[in-house]
Amino acid sequence: MTRVDFYHLLTSPLEIALPGLLEKALENDMRAVVMTISRERASHLDSALWTYGQGSFLPHGCVGETRNVKHQPVWIADTDDNPNGARLLVLVDRADSANVDSFERVADMFDGHDDLAVAAARRRWKARRDAGHALTYWQQTPKGAWEKKASTAA
C-alpha cells in the first residue's frame, strides 16, 4: 500500500512549505509530481519554485513544456498522470488523484486556514484509510516545523 502523509499548513503558505518537502524528496532520490487544480495554479507554483530562496535551485518542469518531461525530477501539473516516473505524488490546492496506488508515497498538503480545504482533506483521509493505506497526519508548528499528530497502519 501507498504511504500517505497529510501536511496541515498553519504557519507557512504552500509556496514556502512545498520547496522544503521537494528538496527532501530529491535528497532521497525520489522524483515527484506536484498535482494542482489548474494550469494557472501550476504556473504560479512553477514561478514560486524558481524564486523561493536566494541561491536555491530546485530543478523542475511544468505542464505546457514539451522538452525533457520524462527527465524532470519534479513535474508540476494540473492532470492526474506521472510523465517523469515519480515515486512521490504531492497533492495541493484540494487536488485529488485516482492513481494514488501507483506511487510509493503521497504528500497531501492543505491550507488549515481554508475551511473547504480542511473538509476536503478529511474526506481524502477517510477514503485513503478505508482503502487500507498507511496514513500520517503532520501539523505545522508556529515556527514552521512539522509535528506528527496521528498515524494509522496499513
N, C-alpha and C. Protein backbone atom coordinates (compact mmCIF):
# COMPACT_ATOMS: atom_id res chain seq x y z
N MET A 1 0.83 -1.19 0.00
CA MET A 1 0.00 0.00 0.00
C MET A 1 0.87 1.26 0.00
N THR A 2 0.31 2.31 -0.46
CA THR A 2 0.98 3.59 -0.52
C THR A 2 0.98 4.26 0.85
N ARG A 3 2.11 4.88 1.18
CA ARG A 3 2.18 5.69 2.40
C ARG A 3 1.67 7.09 2.06
N VAL A 4 0.71 7.58 2.84
CA VAL A 4 0.11 8.90 2.59
C VAL A 4 0.33 9.78 3.81
N ASP A 5 1.00 10.90 3.59
CA ASP A 5 1.25 11.88 4.64
C ASP A 5 0.42 13.12 4.37
N PHE A 6 -0.35 13.54 5.37
CA PHE A 6 -1.15 14.75 5.27
C PHE A 6 -0.41 15.87 6.00
N TYR A 7 -0.22 16.99 5.32
CA TYR A 7 0.50 18.14 5.86
C TYR A 7 -0.46 19.31 6.01
N HIS A 8 -0.76 19.65 7.27
CA HIS A 8 -1.72 20.69 7.63
C HIS A 8 -0.95 22.01 7.78
N LEU A 9 -1.06 22.86 6.78
CA LEU A 9 -0.34 24.14 6.76
C LEU A 9 -1.06 25.15 7.66
N LEU A 10 -0.35 25.63 8.67
CA LEU A 10 -0.92 26.62 9.58
C LEU A 10 -0.08 27.89 9.67
N THR A 11 1.21 27.77 9.45
CA THR A 11 2.14 28.89 9.63
C THR A 11 2.61 29.45 8.29
N SER A 12 3.14 28.59 7.46
CA SER A 12 3.69 28.99 6.17
C SER A 12 2.71 28.69 5.05
N PRO A 13 2.68 29.52 4.04
CA PRO A 13 1.86 29.19 2.88
C PRO A 13 2.52 28.06 2.08
N LEU A 14 1.76 27.47 1.22
CA LEU A 14 2.24 26.37 0.39
C LEU A 14 3.53 26.73 -0.33
N GLU A 15 3.61 27.93 -0.87
CA GLU A 15 4.77 28.35 -1.66
C GLU A 15 6.06 28.34 -0.83
N ILE A 16 5.95 28.42 0.48
CA ILE A 16 7.12 28.35 1.37
C ILE A 16 7.37 26.91 1.82
N ALA A 17 6.33 26.16 2.12
CA ALA A 17 6.47 24.81 2.65
C ALA A 17 6.81 23.78 1.57
N LEU A 18 6.26 23.94 0.37
CA LEU A 18 6.45 22.96 -0.69
C LEU A 18 7.91 22.76 -1.07
N PRO A 19 8.71 23.80 -1.26
CA PRO A 19 10.11 23.57 -1.66
C PRO A 19 10.88 22.69 -0.69
N GLY A 20 10.67 22.86 0.61
CA GLY A 20 11.38 22.02 1.58
C GLY A 20 11.03 20.55 1.43
N LEU A 21 9.76 20.27 1.24
CA LEU A 21 9.33 18.89 1.05
C LEU A 21 9.95 18.31 -0.23
N LEU A 22 9.97 19.08 -1.30
CA LEU A 22 10.55 18.61 -2.56
C LEU A 22 12.06 18.44 -2.47
N GLU A 23 12.73 19.33 -1.75
CA GLU A 23 14.17 19.18 -1.56
C GLU A 23 14.49 17.87 -0.86
N LYS A 24 13.71 17.53 0.17
CA LYS A 24 13.93 16.27 0.89
C LYS A 24 13.70 15.07 -0.02
N ALA A 25 12.68 15.16 -0.85
CA ALA A 25 12.41 14.07 -1.79
C ALA A 25 13.60 13.87 -2.73
N LEU A 26 14.11 14.95 -3.29
CA LEU A 26 15.25 14.85 -4.21
C LEU A 26 16.49 14.34 -3.50
N GLU A 27 16.71 14.74 -2.24
CA GLU A 27 17.84 14.22 -1.47
C GLU A 27 17.75 12.71 -1.31
N ASN A 28 16.53 12.18 -1.32
CA ASN A 28 16.30 10.73 -1.19
C ASN A 28 16.09 10.06 -2.55
N ASP A 29 16.54 10.73 -3.61
CA ASP A 29 16.45 10.19 -4.97
C ASP A 29 15.03 9.84 -5.38
N MET A 30 14.07 10.64 -4.93
CA MET A 30 12.67 10.44 -5.31
C MET A 30 12.24 11.54 -6.26
N ARG A 31 11.83 11.16 -7.44
CA ARG A 31 11.20 12.11 -8.34
C ARG A 31 9.81 12.41 -7.80
N ALA A 32 9.27 13.58 -8.15
CA ALA A 32 7.96 13.96 -7.62
C ALA A 32 7.10 14.56 -8.72
N VAL A 33 5.80 14.34 -8.58
CA VAL A 33 4.79 15.04 -9.36
C VAL A 33 4.00 15.87 -8.37
N VAL A 34 3.85 17.16 -8.67
CA VAL A 34 3.01 18.05 -7.87
C VAL A 34 1.74 18.27 -8.68
N MET A 35 0.61 17.84 -8.13
CA MET A 35 -0.66 17.96 -8.82
C MET A 35 -1.51 19.05 -8.18
N THR A 36 -1.92 20.00 -9.00
CA THR A 36 -2.75 21.10 -8.55
C THR A 36 -4.05 21.13 -9.35
N ILE A 37 -4.87 22.15 -9.15
CA ILE A 37 -6.21 22.14 -9.73
C ILE A 37 -6.36 22.87 -11.05
N SER A 38 -5.36 23.65 -11.46
CA SER A 38 -5.50 24.39 -12.71
C SER A 38 -4.13 24.68 -13.31
N ARG A 39 -4.12 24.95 -14.59
CA ARG A 39 -2.88 25.29 -15.27
C ARG A 39 -2.32 26.61 -14.72
N GLU A 40 -3.22 27.54 -14.38
CA GLU A 40 -2.77 28.81 -13.82
C GLU A 40 -2.06 28.59 -12.47
N ARG A 41 -2.62 27.73 -11.66
CA ARG A 41 -2.00 27.44 -10.36
C ARG A 41 -0.67 26.71 -10.56
N ALA A 42 -0.61 25.81 -11.54
CA ALA A 42 0.65 25.12 -11.83
C ALA A 42 1.71 26.14 -12.24
N SER A 43 1.34 27.10 -13.06
CA SER A 43 2.27 28.15 -13.48
C SER A 43 2.73 28.98 -12.28
N HIS A 44 1.81 29.28 -11.38
CA HIS A 44 2.17 30.04 -10.17
C HIS A 44 3.19 29.26 -9.33
N LEU A 45 2.96 27.96 -9.13
CA LEU A 45 3.89 27.15 -8.35
C LEU A 45 5.23 27.01 -9.06
N ASP A 46 5.20 26.94 -10.38
CA ASP A 46 6.43 26.91 -11.17
C ASP A 46 7.27 28.14 -10.85
N SER A 47 6.66 29.30 -10.89
CA SER A 47 7.37 30.55 -10.57
C SER A 47 7.87 30.55 -9.13
N ALA A 48 7.05 30.06 -8.21
CA ALA A 48 7.44 30.04 -6.79
C ALA A 48 8.67 29.16 -6.57
N LEU A 49 8.76 28.05 -7.30
CA LEU A 49 9.91 27.16 -7.12
C LEU A 49 11.20 27.76 -7.68
N TRP A 50 11.09 28.70 -8.59
CA TRP A 50 12.28 29.37 -9.11
C TRP A 50 12.73 30.48 -8.19
N THR A 51 11.86 30.99 -7.34
CA THR A 51 12.18 32.19 -6.57
C THR A 51 12.06 32.03 -5.05
N TYR A 52 11.89 30.83 -4.54
CA TYR A 52 11.58 30.65 -3.12
C TYR A 52 12.72 30.99 -2.18
N GLY A 53 13.94 30.92 -2.62
CA GLY A 53 15.06 31.22 -1.73
C GLY A 53 16.25 31.73 -2.50
N GLN A 54 16.93 32.69 -1.94
CA GLN A 54 18.10 33.24 -2.59
C GLN A 54 19.17 32.16 -2.68
N GLY A 55 19.66 31.92 -3.88
CA GLY A 55 20.69 30.93 -4.10
C GLY A 55 20.18 29.50 -4.15
N SER A 56 18.88 29.31 -4.01
CA SER A 56 18.30 27.96 -4.05
C SER A 56 18.04 27.57 -5.49
N PHE A 57 18.13 26.28 -5.74
CA PHE A 57 17.84 25.75 -7.06
C PHE A 57 17.10 24.43 -6.90
N LEU A 58 15.93 24.36 -7.42
CA LEU A 58 15.12 23.15 -7.37
C LEU A 58 14.73 22.80 -8.80
N PRO A 59 15.44 21.86 -9.43
CA PRO A 59 15.15 21.55 -10.83
C PRO A 59 13.74 20.98 -10.99
N HIS A 60 13.01 21.53 -11.95
CA HIS A 60 11.64 21.09 -12.16
C HIS A 60 11.15 21.54 -13.53
N GLY A 61 10.03 20.97 -13.93
CA GLY A 61 9.34 21.37 -15.14
C GLY A 61 7.87 21.55 -14.83
N CYS A 62 7.16 22.10 -15.81
CA CYS A 62 5.75 22.43 -15.58
C CYS A 62 4.92 22.10 -16.81
N VAL A 63 3.68 21.75 -16.58
CA VAL A 63 2.73 21.48 -17.65
C VAL A 63 2.81 22.61 -18.68
N GLY A 64 2.74 22.24 -19.94
CA GLY A 64 2.87 23.21 -21.02
C GLY A 64 4.23 23.13 -21.68
N GLU A 65 5.22 22.61 -20.95
CA GLU A 65 6.54 22.39 -21.52
C GLU A 65 6.53 21.06 -22.25
N THR A 66 7.32 20.95 -23.29
CA THR A 66 7.32 19.70 -24.05
C THR A 66 8.69 19.03 -24.10
N ARG A 67 9.73 19.73 -23.70
CA ARG A 67 11.07 19.15 -23.78
C ARG A 67 11.47 18.49 -22.47
N ASN A 68 12.04 17.31 -22.59
CA ASN A 68 12.64 16.60 -21.46
C ASN A 68 11.70 16.35 -20.29
N VAL A 69 10.42 16.21 -20.56
CA VAL A 69 9.44 16.00 -19.49
C VAL A 69 9.81 14.78 -18.66
N LYS A 70 10.16 13.69 -19.30
CA LYS A 70 10.43 12.46 -18.55
C LYS A 70 11.70 12.53 -17.73
N HIS A 71 12.54 13.52 -17.97
CA HIS A 71 13.79 13.67 -17.22
C HIS A 71 13.70 14.67 -16.07
N GLN A 72 12.55 15.31 -15.91
CA GLN A 72 12.41 16.31 -14.85
C GLN A 72 12.30 15.63 -13.49
N PRO A 73 13.11 16.03 -12.50
CA PRO A 73 13.00 15.41 -11.18
C PRO A 73 11.71 15.80 -10.46
N VAL A 74 11.19 16.99 -10.77
CA VAL A 74 9.90 17.43 -10.22
C VAL A 74 9.07 17.92 -11.39
N TRP A 75 7.83 17.47 -11.45
CA TRP A 75 6.91 17.88 -12.51
C TRP A 75 5.66 18.47 -11.87
N ILE A 76 5.28 19.67 -12.31
CA ILE A 76 4.09 20.35 -11.78
C ILE A 76 3.01 20.30 -12.85
N ALA A 77 1.82 19.82 -12.48
CA ALA A 77 0.77 19.66 -13.48
C ALA A 77 -0.62 19.82 -12.88
N ASP A 78 -1.57 19.95 -13.76
CA ASP A 78 -2.98 20.00 -13.36
C ASP A 78 -3.71 18.76 -13.84
N THR A 79 -2.95 17.72 -14.17
CA THR A 79 -3.52 16.46 -14.64
C THR A 79 -3.06 15.31 -13.76
N ASP A 80 -3.77 14.23 -13.82
CA ASP A 80 -3.52 13.06 -12.98
C ASP A 80 -2.69 12.05 -13.75
N ASP A 81 -1.42 12.41 -13.99
CA ASP A 81 -0.53 11.49 -14.68
C ASP A 81 0.85 11.56 -14.06
N ASN A 82 1.76 10.73 -14.55
CA ASN A 82 3.10 10.63 -13.99
C ASN A 82 4.12 10.57 -15.12
N PRO A 83 4.35 11.68 -15.83
CA PRO A 83 5.21 11.65 -17.01
C PRO A 83 6.69 11.51 -16.71
N ASN A 84 7.12 11.74 -15.47
CA ASN A 84 8.54 11.65 -15.14
C ASN A 84 8.89 10.43 -14.30
N GLY A 85 7.96 9.49 -14.17
CA GLY A 85 8.22 8.26 -13.42
C GLY A 85 8.44 8.51 -11.94
N ALA A 86 7.70 9.44 -11.36
CA ALA A 86 7.86 9.81 -9.95
C ALA A 86 7.38 8.71 -9.02
N ARG A 87 8.04 8.65 -7.85
CA ARG A 87 7.58 7.76 -6.78
C ARG A 87 6.77 8.52 -5.74
N LEU A 88 6.86 9.87 -5.78
CA LEU A 88 6.15 10.73 -4.84
C LEU A 88 5.14 11.59 -5.58
N LEU A 89 3.91 11.58 -5.09
CA LEU A 89 2.86 12.46 -5.58
C LEU A 89 2.56 13.47 -4.50
N VAL A 90 2.60 14.76 -4.86
CA VAL A 90 2.26 15.82 -3.91
C VAL A 90 0.95 16.44 -4.39
N LEU A 91 -0.07 16.32 -3.57
CA LEU A 91 -1.39 16.89 -3.88
C LEU A 91 -1.51 18.23 -3.17
N VAL A 92 -1.88 19.27 -3.91
CA VAL A 92 -2.03 20.61 -3.35
C VAL A 92 -3.33 21.23 -3.86
N ASP A 93 -3.79 22.26 -3.18
CA ASP A 93 -4.96 23.03 -3.63
C ASP A 93 -6.22 22.19 -3.79
N ARG A 94 -6.41 21.20 -2.92
CA ARG A 94 -7.57 20.32 -2.96
C ARG A 94 -7.59 19.36 -4.15
N ALA A 95 -6.46 19.23 -4.84
CA ALA A 95 -6.39 18.26 -5.95
C ALA A 95 -6.47 16.85 -5.36
N ASP A 96 -7.00 15.93 -6.15
CA ASP A 96 -7.06 14.54 -5.74
C ASP A 96 -6.71 13.67 -6.94
N SER A 97 -6.22 12.49 -6.65
CA SER A 97 -5.76 11.58 -7.69
C SER A 97 -6.48 10.24 -7.61
N ALA A 98 -6.79 9.71 -8.76
CA ALA A 98 -7.34 8.36 -8.83
C ALA A 98 -6.22 7.32 -8.90
N ASN A 99 -4.97 7.79 -8.93
CA ASN A 99 -3.83 6.90 -9.12
C ASN A 99 -2.90 6.84 -7.91
N VAL A 100 -3.43 7.05 -6.73
CA VAL A 100 -2.62 7.03 -5.51
C VAL A 100 -1.84 5.72 -5.39
N ASP A 101 -2.46 4.61 -5.76
CA ASP A 101 -1.81 3.30 -5.63
C ASP A 101 -0.58 3.14 -6.51
N SER A 102 -0.42 3.98 -7.51
CA SER A 102 0.73 3.83 -8.41
C SER A 102 1.97 4.58 -7.89
N PHE A 103 1.87 5.21 -6.74
CA PHE A 103 3.00 5.93 -6.14
C PHE A 103 3.43 5.23 -4.86
N GLU A 104 4.70 5.35 -4.54
CA GLU A 104 5.23 4.83 -3.28
C GLU A 104 4.75 5.68 -2.10
N ARG A 105 4.75 7.00 -2.32
CA ARG A 105 4.33 7.93 -1.28
C ARG A 105 3.46 9.02 -1.87
N VAL A 106 2.56 9.54 -1.03
CA VAL A 106 1.74 10.69 -1.38
C VAL A 106 1.86 11.70 -0.24
N ALA A 107 2.08 12.97 -0.60
CA ALA A 107 2.06 14.06 0.37
C ALA A 107 0.86 14.92 0.01
N ASP A 108 -0.08 15.01 0.91
CA ASP A 108 -1.30 15.77 0.71
C ASP A 108 -1.20 17.03 1.56
N MET A 109 -0.94 18.17 0.92
CA MET A 109 -0.73 19.44 1.63
C MET A 109 -1.99 20.28 1.53
N PHE A 110 -2.47 20.75 2.70
CA PHE A 110 -3.70 21.54 2.68
C PHE A 110 -3.61 22.72 3.62
N ASP A 111 -4.30 23.79 3.26
CA ASP A 111 -4.29 25.06 3.99
C ASP A 111 -5.24 24.99 5.17
N GLY A 112 -4.69 25.06 6.38
CA GLY A 112 -5.50 24.99 7.59
C GLY A 112 -6.37 26.21 7.84
N HIS A 113 -6.18 27.27 7.05
CA HIS A 113 -6.99 28.49 7.20
C HIS A 113 -8.16 28.52 6.22
N ASP A 114 -8.29 27.46 5.43
CA ASP A 114 -9.34 27.35 4.42
C ASP A 114 -10.27 26.20 4.84
N ASP A 115 -11.45 26.54 5.31
CA ASP A 115 -12.38 25.52 5.81
C ASP A 115 -12.73 24.47 4.76
N LEU A 116 -12.86 24.89 3.50
CA LEU A 116 -13.15 23.93 2.43
C LEU A 116 -11.98 22.97 2.22
N ALA A 117 -10.77 23.49 2.31
CA ALA A 117 -9.59 22.64 2.15
C ALA A 117 -9.48 21.63 3.29
N VAL A 118 -9.77 22.06 4.50
CA VAL A 118 -9.73 21.16 5.65
C VAL A 118 -10.79 20.07 5.51
N ALA A 119 -11.99 20.43 5.13
CA ALA A 119 -13.06 19.45 4.94
C ALA A 119 -12.71 18.45 3.84
N ALA A 120 -12.14 18.95 2.76
CA ALA A 120 -11.74 18.06 1.66
C ALA A 120 -10.62 17.12 2.11
N ALA A 121 -9.67 17.62 2.90
CA ALA A 121 -8.59 16.77 3.41
C ALA A 121 -9.14 15.67 4.31
N ARG A 122 -10.13 16.01 5.11
CA ARG A 122 -10.75 14.99 5.97
C ARG A 122 -11.41 13.89 5.13
N ARG A 123 -12.05 14.28 4.04
CA ARG A 123 -12.67 13.28 3.15
C ARG A 123 -11.60 12.39 2.51
N ARG A 124 -10.49 13.00 2.10
CA ARG A 124 -9.41 12.21 1.49
C ARG A 124 -8.78 11.28 2.53
N TRP A 125 -8.61 11.76 3.77
CA TRP A 125 -8.07 10.91 4.84
C TRP A 125 -8.95 9.68 5.01
N LYS A 126 -10.26 9.88 5.11
CA LYS A 126 -11.18 8.76 5.29
C LYS A 126 -11.11 7.80 4.11
N ALA A 127 -11.09 8.32 2.89
CA ALA A 127 -11.02 7.47 1.70
C ALA A 127 -9.72 6.67 1.67
N ARG A 128 -8.61 7.31 2.00
CA ARG A 128 -7.31 6.61 2.00
C ARG A 128 -7.26 5.56 3.11
N ARG A 129 -7.81 5.90 4.27
CA ARG A 129 -7.85 4.94 5.38
C ARG A 129 -8.70 3.74 4.99
N ASP A 130 -9.88 4.01 4.40
CA ASP A 130 -10.77 2.92 4.00
C ASP A 130 -10.15 2.05 2.91
N ALA A 131 -9.25 2.63 2.12
CA ALA A 131 -8.56 1.87 1.06
C ALA A 131 -7.37 1.08 1.61
N GLY A 132 -7.06 1.26 2.90
CA GLY A 132 -6.01 0.47 3.54
C GLY A 132 -4.62 1.07 3.49
N HIS A 133 -4.48 2.34 3.16
CA HIS A 133 -3.17 2.98 3.11
C HIS A 133 -2.68 3.33 4.51
N ALA A 134 -1.37 3.34 4.71
CA ALA A 134 -0.76 3.81 5.95
C ALA A 134 -0.78 5.33 5.91
N LEU A 135 -1.34 5.96 6.94
CA LEU A 135 -1.52 7.41 6.96
C LEU A 135 -0.77 8.04 8.11
N THR A 136 -0.27 9.25 7.87
CA THR A 136 0.32 10.06 8.93
C THR A 136 -0.18 11.48 8.76
N TYR A 137 -0.54 12.09 9.88
CA TYR A 137 -1.02 13.47 9.88
C TYR A 137 0.03 14.34 10.55
N TRP A 138 0.53 15.33 9.81
CA TRP A 138 1.53 16.27 10.29
C TRP A 138 0.90 17.65 10.37
N GLN A 139 1.12 18.32 11.48
CA GLN A 139 0.60 19.68 11.64
C GLN A 139 1.78 20.63 11.78
N GLN A 140 1.68 21.77 11.12
CA GLN A 140 2.74 22.76 11.16
C GLN A 140 2.73 23.49 12.50
N THR A 141 3.91 23.63 13.10
CA THR A 141 4.05 24.34 14.37
C THR A 141 4.16 25.84 14.10
N PRO A 142 4.06 26.67 15.15
CA PRO A 142 4.21 28.12 14.95
C PRO A 142 5.54 28.52 14.32
N LYS A 143 6.58 27.71 14.48
CA LYS A 143 7.88 28.02 13.87
C LYS A 143 8.04 27.42 12.48
N GLY A 144 7.01 26.74 11.99
CA GLY A 144 7.04 26.18 10.65
C GLY A 144 7.54 24.76 10.54
N ALA A 145 7.90 24.14 11.66
CA ALA A 145 8.33 22.74 11.65
C ALA A 145 7.10 21.84 11.56
N TRP A 146 7.33 20.54 11.38
CA TRP A 146 6.23 19.59 11.28
C TRP A 146 6.18 18.72 12.52
N GLU A 147 5.00 18.62 13.11
CA GLU A 147 4.79 17.79 14.31
C GLU A 147 3.81 16.68 13.95
N LYS A 148 4.21 15.45 14.21
CA LYS A 148 3.35 14.30 13.96
C LYS A 148 2.23 14.27 14.99
N LYS A 149 0.99 14.22 14.49
CA LYS A 149 -0.17 14.26 15.38
C LYS A 149 -0.95 12.95 15.40
N ALA A 150 -0.89 12.19 14.30
CA ALA A 150 -1.66 10.94 14.25
C ALA A 150 -1.09 10.06 13.14
N SER A 151 -1.34 8.76 13.27
CA SER A 151 -0.96 7.83 12.20
C SER A 151 -1.80 6.57 12.30
N THR A 152 -1.90 5.88 11.18
CA THR A 152 -2.59 4.61 11.11
C THR A 152 -1.69 3.62 10.38
N ALA A 153 -1.82 2.36 10.67
CA ALA A 153 -1.06 1.33 9.97
C ALA A 153 -1.82 0.91 8.72
N ALA A 154 -1.08 0.37 7.78
CA ALA A 154 -1.71 -0.12 6.54
C ALA A 154 -2.47 -1.38 6.81
